[in-house]
Amino acid sequence: MPEYTISTADGDDWPALGVSLAAVLRPRSFECEVVEDSEVLTFRTGAATVSASWELLGTWYVDVEDVPSLETADLIVAEMARQLAEATGRQAVQHRITDH
C-alpha cells in the first residue's frame, strides 16, 4: 500500500479549508464513493481505498490500499494535490514515502 505526503512547496502550513475534506480532496476525474468525511477523508475508487488525514504540521498524509498499480496511486494523489493547491492558492508538493 503506497503512502504519500502532500505539503506546501514553501514548507508553510496549509490554510484552513473551510469546507468538507471531500469537497477539496476527492479527485474529480475518478469515480469515487465517500466512506468517511470528518477529520479523516476516506473514499473508494475502483478497488482502491484512499484515506487522507492531517498528520503532521503542514502536511497531509495519504494512504492508498488495494490499488492496481503504483501509477494509479500516483495519479490519484497528484490530482488530490492539484485540487488542494487550487482550493488554497498554495503550491502543493506530493511525495511517495512508501510503495508497498
C-alpha atoms as a PDB file:
ATOM      1  CA  MET A   1       0.000   0.000   0.000  1.00  0.00           C
ATOM      2  CA  PRO A   2       1.652   3.222  -1.107  1.00  0.00           C
ATOM      3  CA  GLU A   3       1.735   6.138   1.313  1.00  0.00           C
ATOM      4  CA  TYR A   4       2.224   9.799   0.454  1.00  0.00           C
ATOM      5  CA  THR A   5       2.557  13.231   1.964  1.00  0.00           C
ATOM      6  CA  ILE A   6       1.210  16.436   0.474  1.00  0.00           C
ATOM      7  CA  SER A   7       2.749  19.648   1.758  1.00  0.00           C
ATOM      8  CA  THR A   8       3.175  23.232   0.626  1.00  0.00           C
ATOM      9  CA  ALA A   9       6.164  23.904  -1.621  1.00  0.00           C
ATOM     10  CA  ASP A  10       7.393  26.631   0.737  1.00  0.00           C
ATOM     11  CA  GLY A  11       7.003  24.464   3.855  1.00  0.00           C
ATOM     12  CA  ASP A  12       4.381  26.712   5.435  1.00  0.00           C
ATOM     13  CA  ASP A  13       1.182  25.409   6.956  1.00  0.00           C
ATOM     14  CA  TRP A  14      -1.924  24.921   4.800  1.00  0.00           C
ATOM     15  CA  PRO A  15      -4.696  27.462   5.327  1.00  0.00           C
ATOM     16  CA  ALA A  16      -7.999  26.199   6.727  1.00  0.00           C
ATOM     17  CA  LEU A  17     -10.114  24.601   4.025  1.00  0.00           C
ATOM     18  CA  GLY A  18     -13.444  25.944   5.273  1.00  0.00           C
ATOM     19  CA  VAL A  19     -15.352  23.121   3.538  1.00  0.00           C
ATOM     20  CA  SER A  20     -15.567  19.357   3.853  1.00  0.00           C
ATOM     21  CA  LEU A  21     -12.413  17.419   3.031  1.00  0.00           C
ATOM     22  CA  ALA A  22     -14.231  15.590   0.238  1.00  0.00           C
ATOM     23  CA  ALA A  23     -15.093  18.888  -1.461  1.00  0.00           C
ATOM     24  CA  VAL A  24     -11.375  19.606  -1.868  1.00  0.00           C
ATOM     25  CA  LEU A  25      -9.507  16.288  -1.799  1.00  0.00           C
ATOM     26  CA  ARG A  26     -11.784  13.780  -3.580  1.00  0.00           C
ATOM     27  CA  PRO A  27     -10.330  13.509  -7.116  1.00  0.00           C
ATOM     28  CA  ARG A  28     -12.860  14.875  -9.594  1.00  0.00           C
ATOM     29  CA  SER A  29     -11.648  12.800 -12.559  1.00  0.00           C
ATOM     30  CA  PHE A  30     -12.102   9.483 -10.696  1.00  0.00           C
ATOM     31  CA  GLU A  31     -15.440   7.935  -9.844  1.00  0.00           C
ATOM     32  CA  CYS A  32     -15.409   7.926  -6.051  1.00  0.00           C
ATOM     33  CA  GLU A  33     -17.626   6.808  -3.199  1.00  0.00           C
ATOM     34  CA  VAL A  34     -17.005   8.754   0.015  1.00  0.00           C
ATOM     35  CA  VAL A  35     -16.918   6.437   3.037  1.00  0.00           C
ATOM     36  CA  GLU A  36     -15.971   8.993   5.717  1.00  0.00           C
ATOM     37  CA  ASP A  37     -15.702  12.768   5.585  1.00  0.00           C
ATOM     38  CA  SER A  38     -14.838  14.107   9.012  1.00  0.00           C
ATOM     39  CA  GLU A  39     -11.339  14.590  10.417  1.00  0.00           C
ATOM     40  CA  VAL A  40     -10.241  11.849   8.012  1.00  0.00           C
ATOM     41  CA  LEU A  41     -11.389  11.571   4.410  1.00  0.00           C
ATOM     42  CA  THR A  42     -11.831   8.001   3.204  1.00  0.00           C
ATOM     43  CA  PHE A  43     -13.120   7.173  -0.249  1.00  0.00           C
ATOM     44  CA  ARG A  44     -13.167   4.267  -2.660  1.00  0.00           C
ATOM     45  CA  THR A  45     -12.328   4.491  -6.321  1.00  0.00           C
ATOM     46  CA  GLY A  46     -12.452   1.208  -8.198  1.00  0.00           C
ATOM     47  CA  ALA A  47     -10.806  -1.406  -5.979  1.00  0.00           C
ATOM     48  CA  ALA A  48      -8.692   1.188  -4.139  1.00  0.00           C
ATOM     49  CA  THR A  49      -9.464   2.685  -0.750  1.00  0.00           C
ATOM     50  CA  VAL A  50      -7.849   6.065  -0.103  1.00  0.00           C
ATOM     51  CA  SER A  51      -7.553   7.810   3.275  1.00  0.00           C
ATOM     52  CA  ALA A  52      -6.308  11.353   3.806  1.00  0.00           C
ATOM     53  CA  SER A  53      -5.622  12.894   7.174  1.00  0.00           C
ATOM     54  CA  TRP A  54      -3.795  15.796   8.749  1.00  0.00           C
ATOM     55  CA  GLU A  55      -0.879  14.037  10.447  1.00  0.00           C
ATOM     56  CA  LEU A  56       1.963  16.499  10.755  1.00  0.00           C
ATOM     57  CA  LEU A  57       2.017  20.268  10.915  1.00  0.00           C
ATOM     58  CA  GLY A  58       1.509  21.497   7.372  1.00  0.00           C
ATOM     59  CA  THR A  59       1.321  18.003   5.875  1.00  0.00           C
ATOM     60  CA  TRP A  60      -1.478  15.781   4.628  1.00  0.00           C
ATOM     61  CA  TYR A  61      -0.864  12.044   4.877  1.00  0.00           C
ATOM     62  CA  VAL A  62      -2.469   9.862   2.177  1.00  0.00           C
ATOM     63  CA  ASP A  63      -2.702   6.070   2.308  1.00  0.00           C
ATOM     64  CA  VAL A  64      -3.814   4.120  -0.790  1.00  0.00           C
ATOM     65  CA  GLU A  65      -4.841   0.483  -0.271  1.00  0.00           C
ATOM     66  CA  ASP A  66      -5.669  -2.227  -2.823  1.00  0.00           C
ATOM     67  CA  VAL A  67      -4.663  -0.054  -5.769  1.00  0.00           C
ATOM     68  CA  PRO A  68      -3.983  -1.968  -9.016  1.00  0.00           C
ATOM     69  CA  SER A  69      -0.670  -0.159  -9.681  1.00  0.00           C
ATOM     70  CA  LEU A  70       1.676   2.456  -8.267  1.00  0.00           C
ATOM     71  CA  GLU A  71       0.992   4.575 -11.348  1.00  0.00           C
ATOM     72  CA  THR A  72      -2.715   4.682 -10.492  1.00  0.00           C
ATOM     73  CA  ALA A  73      -1.931   5.617  -6.888  1.00  0.00           C
ATOM     74  CA  ASP A  74       0.415   8.354  -8.116  1.00  0.00           C
ATOM     75  CA  LEU A  75      -2.333   9.757 -10.379  1.00  0.00           C
ATOM     76  CA  ILE A  76      -4.903   9.779  -7.566  1.00  0.00           C
ATOM     77  CA  VAL A  77      -2.592  11.607  -5.162  1.00  0.00           C
ATOM     78  CA  ALA A  78      -1.329  14.025  -7.834  1.00  0.00           C
ATOM     79  CA  GLU A  79      -4.913  15.065  -8.512  1.00  0.00           C
ATOM     80  CA  MET A  80      -5.589  15.443  -4.790  1.00  0.00           C
ATOM     81  CA  ALA A  81      -2.524  17.698  -4.503  1.00  0.00           C
ATOM     82  CA  ARG A  82      -3.546  19.744  -7.558  1.00  0.00           C
ATOM     83  CA  GLN A  83      -7.056  20.290  -6.178  1.00  0.00           C
ATOM     84  CA  LEU A  84      -5.671  21.231  -2.752  1.00  0.00           C
ATOM     85  CA  ALA A  85      -3.427  23.810  -4.436  1.00  0.00           C
ATOM     86  CA  GLU A  86      -6.368  25.208  -6.411  1.00  0.00           C
ATOM     87  CA  ALA A  87      -8.547  25.467  -3.299  1.00  0.00           C
ATOM     88  CA  THR A  88      -5.897  27.188  -1.176  1.00  0.00           C
ATOM     89  CA  GLY A  89      -3.842  29.179  -3.675  1.00  0.00           C
ATOM     90  CA  ARG A  90      -0.689  27.441  -2.414  1.00  0.00           C
ATOM     91  CA  GLN A  91       1.690  25.299  -4.449  1.00  0.00           C
ATOM     92  CA  ALA A  92       1.434  21.637  -3.409  1.00  0.00           C
ATOM     93  CA  VAL A  93       4.190  19.045  -3.443  1.00  0.00           C
ATOM     94  CA  GLN A  94       3.464  15.334  -3.046  1.00  0.00           C
ATOM     95  CA  HIS A  95       5.975  12.644  -2.135  1.00  0.00           C
ATOM     96  CA  ARG A  96       5.573   8.886  -2.126  1.00  0.00           C
ATOM     97  CA  ILE A  97       7.044   7.746   1.174  1.00  0.00           C
ATOM     98  CA  THR A  98       6.395   4.005   0.814  1.00  0.00           C
ATOM     99  CA  ASP A  99       5.411   1.872  -2.148  1.00  0.00           C
ATOM    100  CA  HIS A 100       4.351  -1.449  -0.633  1.00  0.00           C
END
